[in-house]
Structure formats: structure tokens, C-alpha cells
Amino acid sequence: MQTVVVRHWYGFGLSLLTAVLWGMLPVALKLCLEVMDAISITWYRFSAAALVVGLMLYKSKALPPLRAISRSNNLLIAAAAIGLIANYVLYLQGLDYLNPETAQVVIQLAPFLLMVGGILLYKERFNRLETLGALILLSGLMLFFNDRLPVLFSSLGQYTLGVILVVIAAITWAWYALSQKVLLKAVTAKQLTLILYCAGSLVLLPFADLSSVIQLNSLQVFALLFCCANTVVAYGAFTEALNIWHASKVSAVIALAPLFTFTSMEMAVWVWPAHFSASDLDKWAYIGAGMVMLGSMLAAAGKAKAQQA
């Protein structure tokens, strides 16, 4: 009985750590974007993650088997790699036009789009709780943009372009997640991420400006190191949490990530006013952000109920 309690709190702690790290990530990425472009930042993140995960798997003698990269899996690996690379790059490009809070709220569309993809590709069904969660999430997004809706739908300015890019990033994440669903039958999650990180590094290398890193100041260097470490630590905590705790509970806790983005931005504005300015969000936008998080939690709970049934 005691073991279950420990695993419960350990799973909760890992999930919360993931939410905190993913919540802080847009703020750190925003610092890097002051000097570096989206592709260069992503190359450094992929390369650092590939190095760390590769060393971990090599030490444990668990490198991906050659049979994992078979003809039957080649297309799925390519699809997953394209989805993940596009997700990282497009999210950063969108973030370049937006404040971190807006980017983090919009990217919450990703798990909803994953559910839609599951319905279309794997003939899954929405239950009532999932439907309620999706409706609250979408309503929350509309409320979050309450004072920006005319701008979003009337012109293609930088703000609108940023939102569109993050929405596409959410679509490509769902694409990646749906592609990896089959691949995880042939390899472990860590082995698959190593393959995808290596693929991402190779694909982006010709387009990355690696020398731009020397233009970073000390704060921006720390931010880039944090982003690289975040890629490994947050995903590692997420994977471990899924191994020892219910996926629905993990997803519900991770849905709190926007809360930590809002908190991180408040601190960043206070500590580094030269780099950050307060976002002009009204009370309805904050309520909308809360509804987005609640909708994500309900959808995760509904997913678990459907799997149990």
C-alpha cells in the first residue's frame, strides 16, 4: 500500500516538473530569439538532446536495433521526424511574433487535435467528457482572444501570423504523435526520440546558422542551455511519469503548463525589464486561459474513461 502512495506522489512530482519546465520554456526561447533564428535554436536543442540520450542508451546497451529502421517503418519514421521538426521550428517562429503566454495557450490545441486524429485514423470515439473538455477548451481560446478577434480575422499582421504558425505547430505535433503510435511497438520511447533527434539535427544542419551562438550574451547563453536541458529533462520526466502513473493524470497535470508560463513571465518582467514587457491581457483573457487548462484536463480524464471502457 505504501508503494502505491510513493509512486503516486512520484508520478505527480514528475508530471508537475514537466509542466513547470514546459511552462518556463517559451520565456527562455524568447530570450534566444533576440539573437538566433528558429532553425538554429532547434538544431542546438536536437543535437544536445541526441548526444545526451545517445550516451544514456549506449551506457545501458539499449541503442535502437537496426530492425527498427526497416522498410516498413521508414515512412513512419520520416513522418514522425517531419512532424517533430516542423513542430519545434514553427512554434519558435510563431513565438517570435507573440508573447509567451499567447503561444503557450494556443499550443494547448495539440492534444485536442491528437484526439481528432485518433478519430479519423484509428476510429476512436469522443465520449461525453472528452466532448465537454473540447468545447470548454475551444470556448476558452475564443475568450482568451476576446479583444483580438477582429485583428485575427481582419488582417494578416504579425500577431495573426504568429497565431497561425503556432496552430500549425500544434497540428504537426499531433501528426508526430499519431505517427509514433505505431513505431513504439518496435522501439522504446527513448530509442525513438534518439532516432528523431538525430534526424532533426541532420535535416536542419544545412539551414542553421551555428555561428550565431557567439553573439549571445551571458543571459542568452544560459537561456539556450536551459532550452537544451529542458528538451531532455522535461521529456524524460514525462516519459517516466507515464511509466509509473496513469496517463490521464499525467496529462491533466501537464495541462497546467500555461499557468507556469504566466508566472514565469511575471517574474521575467520584474527581473529583466530590458528584455520583457508586461502583456496587455485583460481579465477575460485570463479566464479564457483557465478554461483552456480545464478543458485539457477534462479531455484527458475522458480519454482515460474511454480506454477503461
C-alpha atoms as a PDB file:
ATOM      1  CA  MET A   1       0.000   0.000   0.000  1.00  0.00           C
ATOM      2  CA  GLN A   2       2.834   2.338   0.877  1.00  0.00           C
ATOM      3  CA  THR A   3       4.494   1.694  -2.500  1.00  0.00           C
ATOM      4  CA  VAL A   4       1.380   2.861  -4.351  1.00  0.00           C
ATOM      5  CA  VAL A   5       1.318   6.125  -2.378  1.00  0.00           C
ATOM      6  CA  VAL A   6       5.018   6.757  -3.086  1.00  0.00           C
ATOM      7  CA  ARG A   7       4.559   6.031  -6.779  1.00  0.00           C
ATOM      8  CA  HIS A   8       1.530   8.302  -6.836  1.00  0.00           C
ATOM      9  CA  TRP A   9       3.409  11.260  -5.395  1.00  0.00           C
ATOM     10  CA  TYR A  10       6.484  10.458  -7.502  1.00  0.00           C
ATOM     11  CA  GLY A  11       4.345  10.382 -10.637  1.00  0.00           C
ATOM     12  CA  PHE A  12       2.659  13.623  -9.632  1.00  0.00           C
ATOM     13  CA  GLY A  13       6.043  15.229  -8.929  1.00  0.00           C
ATOM     14  CA  LEU A  14       7.451  14.208 -12.306  1.00  0.00           C
ATOM     15  CA  SER A  15       4.318  15.441 -14.085  1.00  0.00           C
ATOM     16  CA  LEU A  16       4.473  18.742 -12.228  1.00  0.00           C
ATOM     17  CA  LEU A  17       8.176  19.084 -13.077  1.00  0.00           C
ATOM     18  CA  THR A  18       7.298  18.576 -16.750  1.00  0.00           C
ATOM     19  CA  ALA A  19       4.557  21.214 -16.565  1.00  0.00           C
ATOM     20  CA  VAL A  20       6.906  23.702 -14.858  1.00  0.00           C
ATOM     21  CA  LEU A  21       9.703  23.141 -17.390  1.00  0.00           C
ATOM     22  CA  TRP A  22       7.391  23.297 -20.405  1.00  0.00           C
ATOM     23  CA  GLY A  23       5.761  26.387 -18.893  1.00  0.00           C
ATOM     24  CA  MET A  24       9.098  28.173 -18.478  1.00  0.00           C
ATOM     25  CA  LEU A  25      10.379  27.128 -21.918  1.00  0.00           C
ATOM     26  CA  PRO A  26       8.681  29.869 -24.025  1.00  0.00           C
ATOM     27  CA  VAL A  27      10.238  32.575 -21.833  1.00  0.00           C
ATOM     28  CA  ALA A  28      13.739  31.150 -22.311  1.00  0.00           C
ATOM     29  CA  LEU A  29      13.133  30.643 -26.040  1.00  0.00           C
ATOM     30  CA  LYS A  30      12.035  34.274 -26.343  1.00  0.00           C
ATOM     31  CA  LEU A  31      15.441  35.348 -24.992  1.00  0.00           C
ATOM     32  CA  CYS A  32      17.248  33.172 -27.541  1.00  0.00           C
ATOM     33  CA  LEU A  33      15.119  34.559 -30.380  1.00  0.00           C
ATOM     34  CA  GLU A  34      16.537  38.027 -29.738  1.00  0.00           C
ATOM     35  CA  VAL A  35      19.744  36.869 -31.464  1.00  0.00           C
ATOM     36  CA  MET A  36      19.214  33.431 -33.042  1.00  0.00           C
ATOM     37  CA  ASP A  37      16.682  32.186 -35.589  1.00  0.00           C
ATOM     38  CA  ALA A  38      14.217  29.340 -35.008  1.00  0.00           C
ATOM     39  CA  ILE A  39      16.139  26.752 -37.061  1.00  0.00           C
ATOM     40  CA  SER A  40      19.476  27.405 -35.317  1.00  0.00           C
ATOM     41  CA  ILE A  41      17.925  27.180 -31.840  1.00  0.00           C
ATOM     42  CA  THR A  42      16.167  23.945 -32.775  1.00  0.00           C
ATOM     43  CA  TRP A  43      19.392  22.457 -34.179  1.00  0.00           C
ATOM     44  CA  TYR A  44      21.186  23.075 -30.884  1.00  0.00           C
ATOM     45  CA  ARG A  45      18.270  21.598 -28.923  1.00  0.00           C
ATOM     46  CA  PHE A  46      18.094  18.476 -31.116  1.00  0.00           C
ATOM     47  CA  SER A  47      21.867  17.963 -31.136  1.00  0.00           C
ATOM     48  CA  ALA A  48      22.252  18.348 -27.374  1.00  0.00           C
ATOM     49  CA  ALA A  49      19.315  16.013 -26.736  1.00  0.00           C
ATOM     50  CA  ALA A  50      20.631  13.438 -29.227  1.00  0.00           C
ATOM     51  CA  LEU A  51      24.042  13.488 -27.517  1.00  0.00           C
ATOM     52  CA  VAL A  52      22.639  13.041 -24.003  1.00  0.00           C
ATOM     53  CA  VAL A  53      20.002  10.413 -24.914  1.00  0.00           C
ATOM     54  CA  GLY A  54      22.528   8.579 -27.129  1.00  0.00           C
ATOM     55  CA  LEU A  55      25.060   8.370 -24.291  1.00  0.00           C
ATOM     56  CA  MET A  56      22.364   7.153 -21.890  1.00  0.00           C
ATOM     57  CA  LEU A  57      21.237   4.407 -24.272  1.00  0.00           C
ATOM     58  CA  TYR A  58      24.823   3.440 -25.124  1.00  0.00           C
ATOM     59  CA  LYS A  59      25.707   3.150 -21.438  1.00  0.00           C
ATOM     60  CA  SER A  60      22.684   0.926 -20.811  1.00  0.00           C
ATOM     61  CA  LYS A  61      23.330  -1.047 -24.043  1.00  0.00           C
ATOM     62  CA  ALA A  62      19.889  -0.116 -25.340  1.00  0.00           C
ATOM     63  CA  LEU A  63      20.627   1.659 -28.622  1.00  0.00           C
ATOM     64  CA  PRO A  64      17.866   1.325 -31.267  1.00  0.00           C
ATOM     65  CA  PRO A  65      18.112  -2.043 -33.096  1.00  0.00           C
ATOM     66  CA  LEU A  66      18.664  -1.949 -36.842  1.00  0.00           C
ATOM     67  CA  ARG A  67      15.378  -3.775 -37.394  1.00  0.00           C
ATOM     68  CA  ALA A  68      13.594  -0.663 -36.083  1.00  0.00           C
ATOM     69  CA  ILE A  69      14.703   1.228 -39.196  1.00  0.00           C
ATOM     70  CA  SER A  70      13.210  -1.300 -41.589  1.00  0.00           C
ATOM     71  CA  ARG A  71      11.462  -0.637 -44.858  1.00  0.00           C
ATOM     72  CA  SER A  72       8.062  -0.957 -43.249  1.00  0.00           C
ATOM     73  CA  ASN A  73       8.953   1.677 -40.653  1.00  0.00           C
ATOM     74  CA  ASN A  74      10.856   4.089 -42.903  1.00  0.00           C
ATOM     75  CA  LEU A  75       7.802   6.078 -43.936  1.00  0.00           C
ATOM     76  CA  LEU A  76       6.504   6.301 -40.375  1.00  0.00           C
ATOM     77  CA  ILE A  77       9.915   7.416 -39.082  1.00  0.00           C
ATOM     78  CA  ALA A  78      10.064  10.051 -41.824  1.00  0.00           C
ATOM     79  CA  ALA A  79       6.520  11.216 -40.997  1.00  0.00           C
ATOM     80  CA  ALA A  80       7.276  11.407 -37.257  1.00  0.00           C
ATOM     81  CA  ALA A  81      10.549  13.256 -37.911  1.00  0.00           C
ATOM     82  CA  ILE A  82       8.887  15.777 -40.239  1.00  0.00           C
ATOM     83  CA  GLY A  83       6.125  16.352 -37.687  1.00  0.00           C
ATOM     84  CA  LEU A  84       8.512  16.866 -34.771  1.00  0.00           C
ATOM     85  CA  ILE A  85      10.923  19.111 -36.703  1.00  0.00           C
ATOM     86  CA  ALA A  86       8.054  21.224 -38.023  1.00  0.00           C
ATOM     87  CA  ASN A  87       6.543  21.458 -34.533  1.00  0.00           C
ATOM     88  CA  TYR A  88       9.762  22.769 -32.977  1.00  0.00           C
ATOM     89  CA  VAL A  89      10.553  25.249 -35.771  1.00  0.00           C
ATOM     90  CA  LEU A  90       7.018  26.554 -36.384  1.00  0.00           C
ATOM     91  CA  TYR A  91       6.341  27.031 -32.669  1.00  0.00           C
ATOM     92  CA  LEU A  92       9.500  29.132 -32.396  1.00  0.00           C
ATOM     93  CA  GLN A  93       8.662  31.151 -35.489  1.00  0.00           C
ATOM     94  CA  GLY A  94       5.195  31.824 -34.086  1.00  0.00           C
ATOM     95  CA  LEU A  95       6.641  32.710 -30.680  1.00  0.00           C
ATOM     96  CA  ASP A  96       8.830  35.311 -32.401  1.00  0.00           C
ATOM     97  CA  TYR A  97       5.626  37.279 -33.203  1.00  0.00           C
ATOM     98  CA  LEU A  98       3.760  36.594 -29.942  1.00  0.00           C
ATOM     99  CA  ASN A  99       4.187  36.884 -26.210  1.00  0.00           C
ATOM    100  CA  PRO A 100       4.988  33.591 -24.429  1.00  0.00           C
ATOM    101  CA  GLU A 101       1.572  33.422 -22.741  1.00  0.00           C
ATOM    102  CA  THR A 102      -0.330  33.528 -26.035  1.00  0.00           C
ATOM    103  CA  ALA A 103       1.932  30.934 -27.688  1.00  0.00           C
ATOM    104  CA  GLN A 104       1.562  28.550 -24.733  1.00  0.00           C
ATOM    105  CA  VAL A 105      -2.226  28.865 -24.618  1.00  0.00           C
ATOM    106  CA  VAL A 106      -2.619  28.296 -28.376  1.00  0.00           C
ATOM    107  CA  ILE A 107      -0.327  25.230 -28.388  1.00  0.00           C
ATOM    108  CA  GLN A 108      -2.805  23.591 -25.988  1.00  0.00           C
ATOM    109  CA  LEU A 109      -4.749  22.772 -29.162  1.00  0.00           C
ATOM    110  CA  ALA A 110      -2.226  19.971 -29.760  1.00  0.00           C
ATOM    111  CA  PRO A 111      -3.805  17.278 -27.522  1.00  0.00           C
ATOM    112  CA  PHE A 112      -7.268  18.176 -28.860  1.00  0.00           C
ATOM    113  CA  LEU A 113      -6.016  17.746 -32.431  1.00  0.00           C
ATOM    114  CA  LEU A 114      -4.436  14.439 -31.413  1.00  0.00           C
ATOM    115  CA  MET A 115      -7.859  13.227 -30.287  1.00  0.00           C
ATOM    116  CA  VAL A 116      -9.385  14.347 -33.601  1.00  0.00           C
ATOM    117  CA  GLY A 117      -6.622  12.489 -35.443  1.00  0.00           C
ATOM    118  CA  GLY A 118      -7.355   9.376 -33.403  1.00  0.00           C
ATOM    119  CA  ILE A 119     -10.979   9.544 -34.514  1.00  0.00           C
ATOM    120  CA  LEU A 120     -10.087   9.955 -38.188  1.00  0.00           C
ATOM    121  CA  LEU A 121      -7.229   7.414 -38.369  1.00  0.00           C
ATOM    122  CA  TYR A 122      -7.906   4.885 -35.620  1.00  0.00           C
ATOM    123  CA  LYS A 123     -11.718   5.084 -35.481  1.00  0.00           C
ATOM    124  CA  GLU A 124     -11.668   6.225 -31.856  1.00  0.00           C
ATOM    125  CA  ARG A 125     -14.731   7.955 -30.416  1.00  0.00           C
ATOM    126  CA  PHE A 126     -15.334  11.078 -28.343  1.00  0.00           C
ATOM    127  CA  ASN A 127     -17.195  10.353 -25.130  1.00  0.00           C
ATOM    128  CA  ARG A 128     -19.217  12.994 -23.296  1.00  0.00           C
ATOM    129  CA  LEU A 129     -16.369  14.062 -21.028  1.00  0.00           C
ATOM    130  CA  GLU A 130     -13.966  14.455 -23.944  1.00  0.00           C
ATOM    131  CA  THR A 131     -16.590  16.425 -25.871  1.00  0.00           C
ATOM    132  CA  LEU A 132     -17.184  18.697 -22.871  1.00  0.00           C
ATOM    133  CA  GLY A 133     -13.445  19.205 -22.465  1.00  0.00           C
ATOM    134  CA  ALA A 134     -13.006  20.045 -26.141  1.00  0.00           C
ATOM    135  CA  LEU A 135     -15.891  22.551 -26.058  1.00  0.00           C
ATOM    136  CA  ILE A 136     -14.508  24.259 -22.943  1.00  0.00           C
ATOM    137  CA  LEU A 137     -11.020  24.364 -24.491  1.00  0.00           C
ATOM    138  CA  LEU A 138     -12.239  25.937 -27.738  1.00  0.00           C
ATOM    139  CA  SER A 139     -14.510  28.365 -25.861  1.00  0.00           C
ATOM    140  CA  GLY A 140     -11.567  29.299 -23.655  1.00  0.00           C
ATOM    141  CA  LEU A 141      -9.454  30.061 -26.713  1.00  0.00           C
ATOM    142  CA  MET A 142     -12.174  32.345 -28.099  1.00  0.00           C
ATOM    143  CA  LEU A 143     -12.410  34.115 -24.735  1.00  0.00           C
ATOM    144  CA  PHE A 144      -8.613  34.399 -24.491  1.00  0.00           C
ATOM    145  CA  PHE A 145      -8.595  36.290 -27.808  1.00  0.00           C
ATOM    146  CA  ASN A 146     -11.757  38.262 -26.957  1.00  0.00           C
ATOM    147  CA  ASP A 147     -10.232  41.671 -27.724  1.00  0.00           C
ATOM    148  CA  ARG A 148      -8.030  40.390 -30.565  1.00  0.00           C
ATOM    149  CA  LEU A 149     -10.633  38.543 -32.635  1.00  0.00           C
ATOM    150  CA  PRO A 150     -11.179  41.482 -35.037  1.00  0.00           C
ATOM    151  CA  VAL A 151      -7.412  41.644 -35.611  1.00  0.00           C
ATOM    152  CA  LEU A 152      -7.123  37.884 -36.091  1.00  0.00           C
ATOM    153  CA  PHE A 153      -9.839  37.679 -38.723  1.00  0.00           C
ATOM    154  CA  SER A 154      -9.482  41.033 -40.475  1.00  0.00           C
ATOM    155  CA  SER A 155      -5.800  41.227 -41.419  1.00  0.00           C
ATOM    156  CA  LEU A 156      -2.665  39.104 -41.759  1.00  0.00           C
ATOM    157  CA  GLY A 157      -0.411  41.099 -39.465  1.00  0.00           C
ATOM    158  CA  GLN A 158       2.417  39.779 -37.302  1.00  0.00           C
ATOM    159  CA  TYR A 159       0.070  38.811 -34.453  1.00  0.00           C
ATOM    160  CA  THR A 160      -2.231  36.839 -36.751  1.00  0.00           C
ATOM    161  CA  LEU A 161       0.747  35.212 -38.485  1.00  0.00           C
ATOM    162  CA  GLY A 162       2.183  34.191 -35.105  1.00  0.00           C
ATOM    163  CA  VAL A 163      -1.101  32.558 -34.059  1.00  0.00           C
ATOM    164  CA  ILE A 164      -1.381  30.729 -37.394  1.00  0.00           C
ATOM    165  CA  LEU A 165       2.176  29.397 -37.081  1.00  0.00           C
ATOM    166  CA  VAL A 166       1.542  28.088 -33.543  1.00  0.00           C
ATOM    167  CA  VAL A 167      -1.730  26.469 -34.659  1.00  0.00           C
ATOM    168  CA  ILE A 168       0.161  24.716 -37.484  1.00  0.00           C
ATOM    169  CA  ALA A 169       2.798  23.713 -34.899  1.00  0.00           C
ATOM    170  CA  ALA A 170       0.014  22.091 -32.851  1.00  0.00           C
ATOM    171  CA  ILE A 171      -1.190  20.245 -35.971  1.00  0.00           C
ATOM    172  CA  THR A 172       2.319  18.950 -36.722  1.00  0.00           C
ATOM    173  CA  TRP A 173       2.708  17.782 -33.090  1.00  0.00           C
ATOM    174  CA  ALA A 174      -0.493  15.743 -33.449  1.00  0.00           C
ATOM    175  CA  TRP A 175       0.893  14.395 -36.730  1.00  0.00           C
ATOM    176  CA  TYR A 176       4.101  13.377 -34.951  1.00  0.00           C
ATOM    177  CA  ALA A 177       2.223  11.779 -32.047  1.00  0.00           C
ATOM    178  CA  LEU A 178      -0.040   9.767 -34.359  1.00  0.00           C
ATOM    179  CA  SER A 179       2.962   8.579 -36.401  1.00  0.00           C
ATOM    180  CA  GLN A 180       4.912   7.421 -33.375  1.00  0.00           C
ATOM    181  CA  LYS A 181       1.983   5.400 -32.028  1.00  0.00           C
ATOM    182  CA  VAL A 182       2.821   2.518 -34.371  1.00  0.00           C
ATOM    183  CA  LEU A 183       6.602   2.948 -34.106  1.00  0.00           C
ATOM    184  CA  LEU A 184       6.529   2.467 -30.327  1.00  0.00           C
ATOM    185  CA  LYS A 185       5.645  -1.172 -30.962  1.00  0.00           C
ATOM    186  CA  ALA A 186       9.122  -1.669 -32.479  1.00  0.00           C
ATOM    187  CA  VAL A 187      11.267   0.572 -30.252  1.00  0.00           C
ATOM    188  CA  THR A 188      11.103   2.217 -26.839  1.00  0.00           C
ATOM    189  CA  ALA A 189      10.219   5.882 -26.398  1.00  0.00           C
ATOM    190  CA  LYS A 190      13.866   6.824 -25.698  1.00  0.00           C
ATOM    191  CA  GLN A 191      15.102   4.904 -28.740  1.00  0.00           C
ATOM    192  CA  LEU A 192      12.558   6.622 -30.955  1.00  0.00           C
ATOM    193  CA  THR A 193      13.436  10.081 -29.642  1.00  0.00           C
ATOM    194  CA  LEU A 194      17.120   9.389 -30.328  1.00  0.00           C
ATOM    195  CA  ILE A 195      16.300   8.468 -33.951  1.00  0.00           C
ATOM    196  CA  LEU A 196      14.147  11.584 -34.355  1.00  0.00           C
ATOM    197  CA  TYR A 197      16.641  13.934 -32.650  1.00  0.00           C
ATOM    198  CA  CYS A 198      19.437  12.642 -34.919  1.00  0.00           C
ATOM    199  CA  ALA A 199      17.191  13.015 -37.969  1.00  0.00           C
ATOM    200  CA  GLY A 200      16.299  16.556 -36.915  1.00  0.00           C
ATOM    201  CA  SER A 201      19.950  17.523 -36.446  1.00  0.00           C
ATOM    202  CA  LEU A 202      20.908  16.196 -39.879  1.00  0.00           C
ATOM    203  CA  VAL A 203      17.950  17.802 -41.677  1.00  0.00           C
ATOM    204  CA  LEU A 204      18.396  21.236 -40.074  1.00  0.00           C
ATOM    205  CA  LEU A 205      22.203  21.389 -40.243  1.00  0.00           C
ATOM    206  CA  PRO A 206      22.403  22.929 -43.764  1.00  0.00           C
ATOM    207  CA  PHE A 207      19.940  25.684 -42.771  1.00  0.00           C
ATOM    208  CA  ALA A 208      21.258  26.508 -39.273  1.00  0.00           C
ATOM    209  CA  ASP A 209      23.498  29.475 -38.525  1.00  0.00           C
ATOM    210  CA  LEU A 210      25.678  27.796 -35.905  1.00  0.00           C
ATOM    211  CA  SER A 211      27.964  30.830 -35.523  1.00  0.00           C
ATOM    212  CA  SER A 212      25.088  32.948 -34.182  1.00  0.00           C
ATOM    213  CA  VAL A 213      25.643  31.366 -30.774  1.00  0.00           C
ATOM    214  CA  ILE A 214      28.779  33.502 -30.266  1.00  0.00           C
ATOM    215  CA  GLN A 215      26.605  36.641 -30.378  1.00  0.00           C
ATOM    216  CA  LEU A 216      24.648  35.611 -27.272  1.00  0.00           C
ATOM    217  CA  ASN A 217      25.232  37.465 -24.018  1.00  0.00           C
ATOM    218  CA  SER A 218      25.585  35.586 -20.743  1.00  0.00           C
ATOM    219  CA  LEU A 219      21.839  35.635 -20.023  1.00  0.00           C
ATOM    220  CA  GLN A 220      21.008  34.343 -23.504  1.00  0.00           C
ATOM    221  CA  VAL A 221      23.671  31.604 -23.243  1.00  0.00           C
ATOM    222  CA  PHE A 222      22.060  30.460 -20.003  1.00  0.00           C
ATOM    223  CA  ALA A 223      18.650  30.553 -21.724  1.00  0.00           C
ATOM    224  CA  LEU A 224      19.918  28.381 -24.609  1.00  0.00           C
ATOM    225  CA  LEU A 225      21.490  25.886 -22.190  1.00  0.00           C
ATOM    226  CA  PHE A 226      18.210  25.791 -20.279  1.00  0.00           C
ATOM    227  CA  CYS A 227      16.298  25.117 -23.526  1.00  0.00           C
ATOM    228  CA  CYS A 228      18.668  22.261 -24.429  1.00  0.00           C
ATOM    229  CA  ALA A 229      18.452  20.740 -20.947  1.00  0.00           C
ATOM    230  CA  ASN A 230      14.687  21.244 -20.967  1.00  0.00           C
ATOM    231  CA  THR A 231      14.378  19.088 -24.090  1.00  0.00           C
ATOM    232  CA  VAL A 232      15.996  16.158 -22.271  1.00  0.00           C
ATOM    233  CA  VAL A 233      14.835  16.607 -18.660  1.00  0.00           C
ATOM    234  CA  ALA A 234      11.194  17.546 -19.338  1.00  0.00           C
ATOM    235  CA  TYR A 235      10.638  14.725 -21.819  1.00  0.00           C
ATOM    236  CA  GLY A 236      12.488  12.287 -19.547  1.00  0.00           C
ATOM    237  CA  ALA A 237      10.283  13.255 -16.600  1.00  0.00           C
ATOM    238  CA  PHE A 238       7.204  12.991 -18.818  1.00  0.00           C
ATOM    239  CA  THR A 239       8.167   9.506 -20.043  1.00  0.00           C
ATOM    240  CA  GLU A 240       8.949   8.268 -16.529  1.00  0.00           C
ATOM    241  CA  ALA A 241       5.676   9.701 -15.205  1.00  0.00           C
ATOM    242  CA  LEU A 242       3.756   7.781 -17.879  1.00  0.00           C
ATOM    243  CA  ASN A 243       5.555   4.601 -16.820  1.00  0.00           C
ATOM    244  CA  ILE A 244       4.535   4.813 -13.164  1.00  0.00           C
ATOM    245  CA  TRP A 245       1.295   6.826 -13.164  1.00  0.00           C
ATOM    246  CA  HIS A 246      -1.988   6.968 -15.074  1.00  0.00           C
ATOM    247  CA  ALA A 247      -1.626   8.723 -18.439  1.00  0.00           C
ATOM    248  CA  SER A 248      -4.817  10.706 -17.839  1.00  0.00           C
ATOM    249  CA  LYS A 249      -3.484  12.115 -14.554  1.00  0.00           C
ATOM    250  CA  VAL A 250      -0.141  12.939 -16.159  1.00  0.00           C
ATOM    251  CA  SER A 251      -1.935  14.763 -18.988  1.00  0.00           C
ATOM    252  CA  ALA A 252      -4.149  16.630 -16.529  1.00  0.00           C
ATOM    253  CA  VAL A 253      -1.155  17.924 -14.546  1.00  0.00           C
ATOM    254  CA  ILE A 254       0.770  18.853 -17.697  1.00  0.00           C
ATOM    255  CA  ALA A 255      -2.241  20.905 -18.834  1.00  0.00           C
ATOM    256  CA  LEU A 256      -1.180  23.365 -16.110  1.00  0.00           C
ATOM    257  CA  ALA A 257       1.861  24.414 -18.196  1.00  0.00           C
ATOM    258  CA  PRO A 258       0.280  27.767 -19.262  1.00  0.00           C
ATOM    259  CA  LEU A 259      -0.092  28.670 -15.569  1.00  0.00           C
ATOM    260  CA  PHE A 260       3.681  28.420 -15.148  1.00  0.00           C
ATOM    261  CA  THR A 261       4.226  30.409 -18.341  1.00  0.00           C
ATOM    262  CA  PHE A 262       2.128  33.254 -16.927  1.00  0.00           C
ATOM    263  CA  THR A 263       4.039  33.054 -13.627  1.00  0.00           C
ATOM    264  CA  SER A 264       7.420  32.922 -15.373  1.00  0.00           C
ATOM    265  CA  MET A 265       6.552  35.962 -17.470  1.00  0.00           C
ATOM    266  CA  GLU A 266       5.570  37.945 -14.372  1.00  0.00           C
ATOM    267  CA  MET A 267       8.966  37.148 -12.864  1.00  0.00           C
ATOM    268  CA  ALA A 268      10.818  37.834 -16.136  1.00  0.00           C
ATOM    269  CA  VAL A 269       9.228  41.282 -16.474  1.00  0.00           C
ATOM    270  CA  TRP A 270      10.297  42.076 -12.924  1.00  0.00           C
ATOM    271  CA  VAL A 271      13.847  40.669 -13.126  1.00  0.00           C
ATOM    272  CA  TRP A 272      14.743  41.510 -16.765  1.00  0.00           C
ATOM    273  CA  PRO A 273      12.649  44.555 -17.766  1.00  0.00           C
ATOM    274  CA  ALA A 274      15.083  45.299 -20.621  1.00  0.00           C
ATOM    275  CA  HIS A 275      14.111  42.033 -22.310  1.00  0.00           C
ATOM    276  CA  PHE A 276      10.449  41.581 -21.350  1.00  0.00           C
ATOM    277  CA  SER A 277       7.392  43.799 -21.065  1.00  0.00           C
ATOM    278  CA  ALA A 278       4.059  43.071 -19.420  1.00  0.00           C
ATOM    279  CA  SER A 279       1.434  41.542 -21.698  1.00  0.00           C
ATOM    280  CA  ASP A 280      -1.741  43.569 -22.255  1.00  0.00           C
ATOM    281  CA  LEU A 281      -4.145  40.771 -21.354  1.00  0.00           C
ATOM    282  CA  ASP A 282      -7.500  41.640 -19.806  1.00  0.00           C
ATOM    283  CA  LYS A 283      -9.391  39.643 -17.167  1.00  0.00           C
ATOM    284  CA  TRP A 284     -11.372  37.757 -19.822  1.00  0.00           C
ATOM    285  CA  ALA A 285      -8.134  36.544 -21.400  1.00  0.00           C
ATOM    286  CA  TYR A 286      -7.034  35.137 -18.044  1.00  0.00           C
ATOM    287  CA  ILE A 287     -10.407  33.451 -17.582  1.00  0.00           C
ATOM    288  CA  GLY A 288     -10.098  32.039 -21.105  1.00  0.00           C
ATOM    289  CA  ALA A 289      -6.629  30.662 -20.316  1.00  0.00           C
ATOM    290  CA  GLY A 290      -8.082  28.966 -17.235  1.00  0.00           C
ATOM    291  CA  MET A 291     -10.846  27.428 -19.360  1.00  0.00           C
ATOM    292  CA  VAL A 292      -8.245  26.123 -21.833  1.00  0.00           C
ATOM    293  CA  MET A 293      -6.422  24.347 -18.994  1.00  0.00           C
ATOM    294  CA  LEU A 294      -9.679  22.990 -17.564  1.00  0.00           C
ATOM    295  CA  GLY A 295     -10.756  21.753 -20.988  1.00  0.00           C
ATOM    296  CA  SER A 296      -7.435  19.939 -21.452  1.00  0.00           C
ATOM    297  CA  MET A 297      -7.830  18.259 -18.058  1.00  0.00           C
ATOM    298  CA  LEU A 298     -11.390  17.121 -18.770  1.00  0.00           C
ATOM    299  CA  ALA A 299     -10.405  15.804 -22.193  1.00  0.00           C
ATOM    300  CA  ALA A 300      -7.575  13.816 -20.591  1.00  0.00           C
ATOM    301  CA  ALA A 301      -9.962  12.398 -17.987  1.00  0.00           C
ATOM    302  CA  GLY A 302     -12.432  11.497 -20.727  1.00  0.00           C
ATOM    303  CA  LYS A 303      -9.714   9.739 -22.707  1.00  0.00           C
ATOM    304  CA  ALA A 304      -8.864   7.583 -19.697  1.00  0.00           C
ATOM    305  CA  LYS A 305     -12.522   6.706 -19.184  1.00  0.00           C
ATOM    306  CA  ALA A 306     -12.833   5.646 -22.815  1.00  0.00           C
ATOM    307  CA  GLN A 307      -9.731   3.415 -22.571  1.00  0.00           C
ATOM    308  CA  GLN A 308     -11.045   1.758 -19.381  1.00  0.00           C
ATOM    309  CA  ALA A 309     -14.369   1.063 -21.116  1.00  0.00           C
END
